[in-house]
Amino acid sequence: MTLFDGTPFEWAPGRIEVRARRECGASRKSLVVAAGVSYLARMIFSFDAFVTNALFDRSGRAMFALGDGTVRLQTDEGFVTVEAHGGPLGGAVLAAAVHPSGAGIVTGGDDGRVVWSRIEGGEVVATLIAEVKNKWIEHVAASAASGLIAFTVGKEVHVRDAADPAFARTFPHEKTVSGLAFEPKGRRLASATYGGAYLWYARIADQKPTVLKWAGSHIAVEFSPDGKFLISSMQENQLHGWRLSDGKDMRMGGYPSKIKSVAFFDKGNLLATAGASGAVIWPFAGANGPMGKEAAEIGFSRDSMVVRVAGIDPQPVCIAGQDSGKIWAAHMRNGRIETLKAEKGAPISALSVSADGKRLAWGDESGEAGVLEIPDLSGPRQFVG
């Protein structure tokens, strides 16, 4: 039996299959020339379902959460499938985050379940963390620093402790919660909702949150790596920010479409955002962040939009995925831009960089996905013959 021919097989308790298409020779495109510069080794998968998220575990293995309710975990042979959500009636993964331990992935689905999937002791394990009947789990966040997991259920945010199954907190909101993020230390949790963002102390049961008000619908939130700023993406095609020390507002507009993805990089000095024809880069160095400063746009394209971004921290390297299916990387100091995925396809729906900054996991809306090497962009181009 060939591991890459789509043949199901029993590898561990539960239903598991290996169905990777790993292309193993230069003639079959396992190597691709990026902008005529260097060869990038890569592995390609065809999942036939929308890729909700692509992440790396602590060992550097890629994990993919899919719209068919499954999780795919990379192995030496390809990948294994975990049927985390939906059961016999099907389902979808709506959100995902790396487990606080770094082992495996936590997913939320339209079946009301929050599930931790991983490979443990050579076996595939799926643990139910929480279940809310007849509800959708649309947003999930996790903190390695505090060991906490948070997820949304309509107008509520729920918090669990990865080390204590008995721990549970529920934080109510007046409107539907549309985004979650833990601060770097994992003690506070930000939630996006209509009219602004809420700040909660994640372990305290009875409290009044700090409310950061700004008119409009806020659909995602992200803390700066130093915890000094909170950034919100809005339904109105703009970003809004707050300096947390004094609550000062920052308006960050001018986008032609919704900003579905943001990423801090360069030791937190830069913020990359999607939502334009190129990647929009905001400066965050200093006590005032982007206040009084202008953004720059890099990688402008006349016929496509940047829909996903990622960053290599602590390097000044931004990675962008386009609605054309292409992916490129740019170095903010020397201006070097390299194509990482030149083939056109469905819009990129997920991007993630490994902890060592050397590999990229990606997925698109049609179910194509992969893992590829990221070249060193700090030096000059090295052309191959």
Protein backbone atom coordinates (compact mmCIF):
# COMPACT_ATOMS: atom_id res chain seq x y z
CA MET A 1 0.00 0.00 0.00
CA THR A 2 1.25 3.45 -0.90
CA LEU A 3 0.67 6.05 1.78
CA PHE A 4 -0.09 8.79 -0.71
CA ASP A 5 -2.64 7.11 -2.95
CA GLY A 6 -5.70 7.98 -0.89
CA THR A 7 -6.16 4.50 0.57
CA PRO A 8 -7.74 4.56 4.07
CA PHE A 9 -6.03 2.51 6.75
CA GLU A 10 -6.25 1.96 10.52
CA TRP A 11 -3.24 3.53 12.20
CA ALA A 12 -4.63 4.18 15.68
CA PRO A 13 -7.92 3.74 17.54
CA GLY A 14 -10.71 5.59 15.78
CA ARG A 15 -11.20 6.35 12.14
CA ILE A 16 -7.95 7.59 10.65
CA GLU A 17 -6.79 7.89 7.10
CA VAL A 18 -3.74 9.14 5.27
CA ARG A 19 -4.54 10.88 2.04
CA ALA A 20 -1.72 13.27 1.34
CA ARG A 21 -0.50 14.13 -2.12
CA ARG A 22 3.18 14.63 -1.47
CA GLU A 23 5.03 15.29 -4.67
CA CYS A 24 8.42 13.68 -4.55
CA GLY A 25 10.43 14.80 -7.54
CA ALA A 26 11.36 18.04 -9.24
CA SER A 27 9.38 16.91 -12.28
CA ARG A 28 6.29 16.69 -10.03
CA LYS A 29 6.76 20.13 -8.46
CA SER A 30 7.91 19.16 -5.01
CA LEU A 31 10.48 21.85 -5.72
CA VAL A 32 9.41 25.23 -6.98
CA VAL A 33 11.46 28.17 -8.15
CA ALA A 34 10.46 31.29 -6.20
CA ALA A 35 10.79 34.36 -8.43
CA GLY A 36 13.61 32.64 -10.30
CA VAL A 37 15.73 32.82 -7.19
CA SER A 38 15.93 29.65 -5.14
CA TYR A 39 14.38 26.25 -4.75
CA LEU A 40 11.76 25.92 -2.00
CA ALA A 41 10.96 22.42 -0.80
CA ARG A 42 7.27 21.96 -0.12
CA MET A 43 4.54 19.44 0.63
CA ILE A 44 1.08 19.80 -0.94
CA PHE A 45 -2.23 18.40 0.36
CA SER A 46 -5.69 18.25 -1.22
CA PHE A 47 -8.38 18.19 1.46
CA ASP A 48 -11.52 19.03 -0.58
CA ALA A 49 -12.85 21.29 2.18
CA PHE A 50 -12.41 24.95 3.10
CA VAL A 51 -9.27 25.43 5.21
CA THR A 52 -10.43 27.35 8.28
CA ASN A 53 -7.00 27.57 9.85
CA ALA A 54 -3.44 26.33 9.43
CA LEU A 55 -1.17 26.20 12.49
CA PHE A 56 2.00 24.60 13.84
CA ASP A 57 2.31 22.63 17.07
CA ARG A 58 5.30 22.97 19.42
CA SER A 59 7.22 20.29 17.50
CA GLY A 60 6.86 22.21 14.24
CA ARG A 61 4.27 19.93 12.64
CA ALA A 62 1.47 21.53 10.67
CA MET A 63 -2.17 21.23 11.69
CA PHE A 64 -5.16 22.08 9.49
CA ALA A 65 -8.74 22.75 10.61
CA LEU A 66 -11.31 22.25 7.86
CA GLY A 67 -14.82 23.20 6.90
CA ASP A 68 -15.91 19.55 6.81
CA GLY A 69 -15.46 19.24 10.58
CA THR A 70 -12.15 17.42 10.44
CA VAL A 71 -8.67 18.22 11.68
CA ARG A 72 -5.63 17.06 9.71
CA LEU A 73 -2.38 16.55 11.61
CA GLN A 74 0.88 16.34 9.69
CA THR A 75 2.97 13.19 10.14
CA ASP A 76 6.16 11.84 8.57
CA GLU A 77 3.98 9.90 6.11
CA GLY A 78 1.57 12.68 5.21
CA PHE A 79 -1.27 13.39 7.61
CA VAL A 80 -3.88 11.76 9.80
CA THR A 81 -7.52 12.79 10.00
CA VAL A 82 -9.43 13.50 13.20
CA GLU A 83 -13.21 13.73 12.84
CA ALA A 84 -13.50 16.37 15.53
CA HIS A 85 -16.88 17.90 14.67
CA GLY A 86 -20.21 17.08 13.12
CA GLY A 87 -20.50 13.31 13.51
CA PRO A 88 -22.65 11.42 10.97
CA LEU A 89 -24.58 14.57 10.02
CA GLY A 90 -21.46 16.48 9.11
CA GLY A 91 -20.30 19.81 10.47
CA ALA A 92 -17.67 22.50 10.13
CA VAL A 93 -14.72 23.82 12.08
CA LEU A 94 -15.36 27.53 12.54
CA ALA A 95 -12.30 28.50 14.61
CA ALA A 96 -9.03 27.05 15.86
CA ALA A 97 -6.03 27.81 18.06
CA VAL A 98 -2.92 25.98 19.20
CA HIS A 99 -3.52 24.23 22.54
CA PRO A 100 -1.84 26.04 25.48
CA SER A 101 0.52 23.09 25.92
CA GLY A 102 1.66 23.44 22.31
CA ALA A 103 0.53 19.86 21.66
CA GLY A 104 -2.28 19.75 19.15
CA ILE A 105 -5.09 22.05 18.17
CA VAL A 106 -8.26 23.33 19.86
CA THR A 107 -11.22 23.75 17.51
CA GLY A 108 -14.73 25.15 17.75
CA GLY A 109 -17.50 23.96 15.48
CA ASP A 110 -21.07 24.53 14.37
CA ASP A 111 -21.99 21.48 16.47
CA GLY A 112 -21.42 23.45 19.69
CA ARG A 113 -18.32 21.48 20.60
CA VAL A 114 -14.82 22.58 21.59
CA VAL A 115 -12.35 19.76 20.91
CA TRP A 116 -8.64 19.22 21.54
CA SER A 117 -7.07 17.04 18.81
CA ARG A 118 -3.48 15.77 18.93
CA ILE A 119 -1.17 12.79 18.47
CA GLU A 120 -0.22 11.43 21.87
CA GLY A 121 1.92 8.35 22.48
CA GLY A 122 1.66 7.40 18.83
CA GLU A 123 -2.15 7.51 18.87
CA VAL A 124 -4.66 10.07 17.67
CA VAL A 125 -6.62 11.56 20.58
CA ALA A 126 -9.63 13.89 20.51
CA THR A 127 -10.77 15.30 23.87
CA LEU A 128 -14.04 17.17 24.36
CA ILE A 129 -13.30 20.38 26.28
CA ALA A 130 -16.81 21.84 26.25
CA GLU A 131 -20.17 21.45 24.55
CA VAL A 132 -23.05 23.90 24.25
CA LYS A 133 -26.10 22.35 22.60
CA ASN A 134 -27.60 24.00 19.52
CA LYS A 135 -24.99 26.76 19.40
CA TRP A 136 -22.06 27.67 17.17
CA ILE A 137 -18.54 28.09 18.52
CA GLU A 138 -17.35 30.79 16.14
CA HIS A 139 -14.20 32.07 17.87
CA VAL A 140 -11.48 30.33 19.89
CA ALA A 141 -8.37 31.72 21.61
CA ALA A 142 -5.72 30.05 23.77
CA SER A 143 -2.83 31.25 25.92
CA ALA A 144 0.36 29.28 26.49
CA ALA A 145 1.31 31.75 29.23
CA SER A 146 -1.78 31.17 31.39
CA GLY A 147 -2.95 27.79 30.13
CA LEU A 148 -6.41 29.18 29.41
CA ILE A 149 -8.77 28.49 26.52
CA ALA A 150 -11.57 30.90 25.57
CA PHE A 151 -14.43 30.53 23.11
CA THR A 152 -17.56 32.42 22.12
CA VAL A 153 -21.19 31.32 22.26
CA GLY A 154 -23.35 34.09 20.85
CA LYS A 155 -23.27 36.94 23.37
CA GLU A 156 -21.09 35.03 25.85
CA VAL A 157 -17.40 34.32 26.26
CA HIS A 158 -16.52 31.07 28.03
CA VAL A 159 -13.13 30.33 29.58
CA ARG A 160 -11.62 26.95 30.50
CA ASP A 161 -8.32 25.95 32.11
CA ALA A 162 -6.37 23.32 30.20
CA ALA A 163 -4.97 21.96 33.49
CA ASP A 164 -8.24 22.03 35.49
CA PRO A 165 -11.39 20.53 33.91
CA ALA A 166 -13.51 21.96 36.76
CA PHE A 167 -12.56 25.57 36.01
CA ALA A 168 -15.17 27.55 34.07
CA ARG A 169 -15.96 31.22 33.62
CA THR A 170 -18.69 32.91 31.59
CA PHE A 171 -18.63 36.59 30.60
CA PRO A 172 -21.87 38.08 29.20
CA HIS A 173 -22.10 40.83 26.57
CA GLU A 174 -24.97 42.96 25.32
CA LYS A 175 -24.28 42.06 21.69
CA THR A 176 -22.81 39.09 19.83
CA VAL A 177 -19.09 38.55 20.38
CA SER A 178 -17.18 38.61 17.09
CA GLY A 179 -13.55 38.13 18.11
CA LEU A 180 -11.26 37.04 20.95
CA ALA A 181 -7.62 37.53 21.92
CA PHE A 182 -5.50 36.93 25.02
CA GLU A 183 -2.93 39.50 26.07
CA PRO A 184 0.68 38.20 25.88
CA LYS A 185 0.74 37.28 29.60
CA GLY A 186 -2.58 35.48 29.27
CA ARG A 187 -4.22 37.19 32.25
CA ARG A 188 -6.59 39.45 30.35
CA LEU A 189 -8.91 38.62 27.51
CA ALA A 190 -10.23 41.02 24.89
CA SER A 191 -13.54 40.49 23.11
CA ALA A 192 -14.82 42.34 20.04
CA THR A 193 -18.48 43.29 19.84
CA TYR A 194 -20.75 46.00 18.53
CA GLY A 195 -19.71 49.38 19.88
CA GLY A 196 -16.16 48.51 20.90
CA ALA A 197 -14.08 45.97 22.79
CA TYR A 198 -14.29 44.52 26.31
CA LEU A 199 -11.32 43.68 28.52
CA TRP A 200 -11.78 40.88 31.08
CA TYR A 201 -9.53 39.35 33.72
CA ALA A 202 -9.83 35.80 32.46
CA ARG A 203 -9.78 34.00 35.84
CA ILE A 204 -12.07 36.31 37.83
CA ALA A 205 -15.69 35.17 38.01
CA ASP A 206 -17.61 38.32 39.00
CA GLN A 207 -16.31 41.54 37.49
CA LYS A 208 -17.16 44.58 35.45
CA PRO A 209 -15.10 44.65 32.27
CA THR A 210 -13.19 47.62 30.98
CA VAL A 211 -15.12 48.83 27.95
CA LEU A 212 -13.20 50.45 25.10
CA LYS A 213 -15.89 52.28 23.16
CA TRP A 214 -15.93 53.11 19.49
CA ALA A 215 -19.07 53.28 17.35
CA GLY A 216 -19.50 50.50 14.82
CA SER A 217 -19.24 46.74 14.54
CA HIS A 218 -15.91 45.28 15.69
CA ILE A 219 -15.21 41.84 14.22
CA ALA A 220 -11.73 40.89 15.47
CA VAL A 221 -9.16 41.96 18.08
CA GLU A 222 -5.41 41.57 18.54
CA PHE A 223 -2.99 42.68 21.27
CA SER A 224 0.41 44.07 20.41
CA PRO A 225 3.21 41.74 21.61
CA ASP A 226 4.14 44.15 24.41
CA GLY A 227 0.51 44.35 25.55
CA LYS A 228 0.41 48.14 25.23
CA PHE A 229 -2.07 48.38 22.36
CA LEU A 230 -5.27 46.65 21.32
CA ILE A 231 -6.23 46.62 17.64
CA SER A 232 -9.73 45.95 16.33
CA SER A 233 -10.85 45.14 12.81
CA MET A 234 -14.20 46.69 11.92
CA GLN A 235 -17.08 45.90 9.61
CA GLU A 236 -16.63 49.40 8.16
CA ASN A 237 -13.38 48.52 6.32
CA GLN A 238 -11.07 50.07 8.88
CA LEU A 239 -9.00 49.30 11.93
CA HIS A 240 -9.36 50.95 15.29
CA GLY A 241 -6.82 50.91 18.08
CA TRP A 242 -6.51 51.84 21.72
CA ARG A 243 -3.44 52.62 23.78
CA LEU A 244 -4.28 50.71 26.94
CA SER A 245 -2.36 52.92 29.36
CA ASP A 246 -4.80 55.80 28.84
CA GLY A 247 -7.47 54.50 26.44
CA LYS A 248 -6.42 56.90 23.68
CA ASP A 249 -8.06 56.09 20.34
CA MET A 250 -6.30 55.42 17.05
CA ARG A 251 -8.18 55.50 13.75
CA MET A 252 -6.55 53.43 11.03
CA GLY A 253 -8.62 53.69 7.87
CA GLY A 254 -8.40 53.91 4.09
CA TYR A 255 -9.00 50.23 3.27
CA PRO A 256 -11.01 49.18 0.19
CA SER A 257 -12.31 45.99 1.86
CA LYS A 258 -12.69 44.31 5.23
CA ILE A 259 -9.50 43.51 7.13
CA LYS A 260 -9.81 39.78 7.79
CA SER A 261 -6.25 39.23 8.96
CA VAL A 262 -3.58 41.13 10.93
CA ALA A 263 -0.16 40.08 12.21
CA PHE A 264 2.50 41.74 14.36
CA PHE A 265 6.15 41.05 13.50
CA ASP A 266 9.65 42.57 13.76
CA LYS A 267 9.60 42.29 17.59
CA GLY A 268 6.21 43.99 17.62
CA ASN A 269 7.49 47.08 15.81
CA LEU A 270 5.35 46.47 12.72
CA LEU A 271 1.78 45.37 12.04
CA ALA A 272 0.82 43.79 8.72
CA THR A 273 -2.80 43.87 7.62
CA ALA A 274 -4.87 42.45 4.78
CA GLY A 275 -7.76 44.24 3.09
CA ALA A 276 -5.94 46.06 0.28
CA SER A 277 -4.19 45.42 -3.03
CA GLY A 278 -0.94 45.03 -1.12
CA ALA A 279 -0.04 44.34 2.49
CA VAL A 280 -0.57 47.48 4.59
CA ILE A 281 2.19 47.95 7.19
CA TRP A 282 1.70 50.12 10.28
CA PRO A 283 4.60 51.24 12.51
CA PHE A 284 4.23 50.38 16.22
CA ALA A 285 7.66 51.30 17.60
CA GLY A 286 7.71 53.69 20.54
CA ALA A 287 5.17 54.72 23.15
CA ASN A 288 2.70 56.16 20.64
CA GLY A 289 2.58 53.29 18.16
CA PRO A 290 1.10 54.41 14.84
CA MET A 291 -0.35 57.67 16.19
CA GLY A 292 0.69 60.53 13.92
CA LYS A 293 2.33 58.15 11.45
CA GLU A 294 1.36 56.85 8.03
CA ALA A 295 1.08 53.27 6.87
CA ALA A 296 3.02 51.85 3.94
CA GLU A 297 1.72 49.43 1.32
CA ILE A 298 3.98 46.72 -0.07
CA GLY A 299 3.45 44.14 -2.80
CA PHE A 300 0.75 46.14 -4.62
CA SER A 301 -1.16 44.17 -7.26
CA ARG A 302 -3.61 45.57 -9.79
CA ASP A 303 -5.62 42.37 -10.15
CA SER A 304 -5.77 40.81 -6.67
CA MET A 305 -6.26 41.61 -3.00
CA VAL A 306 -4.28 40.53 0.05
CA VAL A 307 -6.67 38.48 2.19
CA ARG A 308 -4.32 36.86 4.75
CA VAL A 309 -1.08 37.97 6.38
CA ALA A 310 1.51 36.46 8.71
CA GLY A 311 4.81 37.67 10.10
CA ILE A 312 8.15 36.15 10.99
CA ASP A 313 8.99 37.39 14.47
CA PRO A 314 11.53 38.75 15.33
CA GLN A 315 12.45 39.32 11.69
CA PRO A 316 11.14 42.25 9.63
CA VAL A 317 9.49 39.83 7.20
CA CYS A 318 5.82 39.93 6.22
CA ILE A 319 4.02 37.13 4.35
CA ALA A 320 0.85 37.78 2.36
CA GLY A 321 -1.74 35.48 0.78
CA GLN A 322 -3.87 36.82 -2.06
CA ASP A 323 -7.36 36.12 -3.32
CA SER A 324 -5.67 34.86 -6.49
CA GLY A 325 -4.12 31.98 -4.54
CA LYS A 326 -0.59 33.38 -4.67
CA ILE A 327 1.64 33.87 -1.61
CA TRP A 328 4.66 36.15 -1.27
CA ALA A 329 7.08 37.32 1.42
CA ALA A 330 8.66 40.75 1.82
CA HIS A 331 11.60 42.03 3.86
CA MET A 332 10.83 45.48 5.29
CA ARG A 333 14.46 46.64 5.52
CA ASN A 334 15.95 45.73 2.15
CA GLY A 335 12.72 45.74 0.13
CA ARG A 336 13.24 42.21 -1.16
CA ILE A 337 10.03 40.41 -2.20
CA GLU A 338 9.92 36.71 -3.04
CA THR A 339 7.08 34.62 -4.42
CA LEU A 340 6.49 31.57 -2.22
CA LYS A 341 3.52 30.13 -4.12
CA ALA A 342 3.21 31.24 -7.72
CA GLU A 343 0.29 29.05 -8.79
CA LYS A 344 -3.09 30.71 -9.01
CA GLY A 345 -6.01 29.12 -7.22
CA ALA A 346 -8.77 29.77 -4.73
CA PRO A 347 -8.33 32.64 -2.27
CA ILE A 348 -5.88 31.93 0.55
CA SER A 349 -7.86 31.35 3.75
CA ALA A 350 -5.11 30.49 6.26
CA LEU A 351 -1.44 31.32 6.87
CA SER A 352 0.87 30.42 9.76
CA VAL A 353 4.62 30.59 10.33
CA SER A 354 6.48 27.99 12.40
CA ALA A 355 8.11 29.11 15.66
CA ASP A 356 11.57 29.01 14.09
CA GLY A 357 10.41 31.18 11.19
CA LYS A 358 11.56 28.68 8.58
CA ARG A 359 8.31 27.15 7.34
CA LEU A 360 4.89 28.34 6.27
CA ALA A 361 1.61 26.41 6.49
CA TRP A 362 -1.12 27.62 4.17
CA GLY A 363 -4.59 26.68 3.03
CA ASP A 364 -7.19 28.00 0.61
CA GLU A 365 -10.95 28.10 0.24
CA SER A 366 -11.05 25.05 -2.08
CA GLY A 367 -9.16 22.75 0.30
CA GLU A 368 -5.71 22.94 -1.20
CA ALA A 369 -3.05 23.30 1.49
CA GLY A 370 0.63 22.86 2.07
CA VAL A 371 3.81 23.39 4.01
CA LEU A 372 6.76 25.14 2.39
CA GLU A 373 10.16 26.44 3.33
CA ILE A 374 10.61 30.19 3.74
CA PRO A 375 13.85 31.47 2.18
CA ASP A 376 16.25 33.75 4.02
CA LEU A 377 15.32 37.20 2.77
CA SER A 378 17.98 39.08 4.73
CA GLY A 379 20.70 38.64 2.13
CA PRO A 380 20.95 39.19 -1.63
CA ARG A 381 19.17 36.98 -4.10
CA GLN A 382 21.01 33.81 -5.07
CA PHE A 383 20.12 32.79 -8.58
CA VAL A 384 20.37 29.18 -9.64
CA GLY A 385 21.52 28.06 -12.98
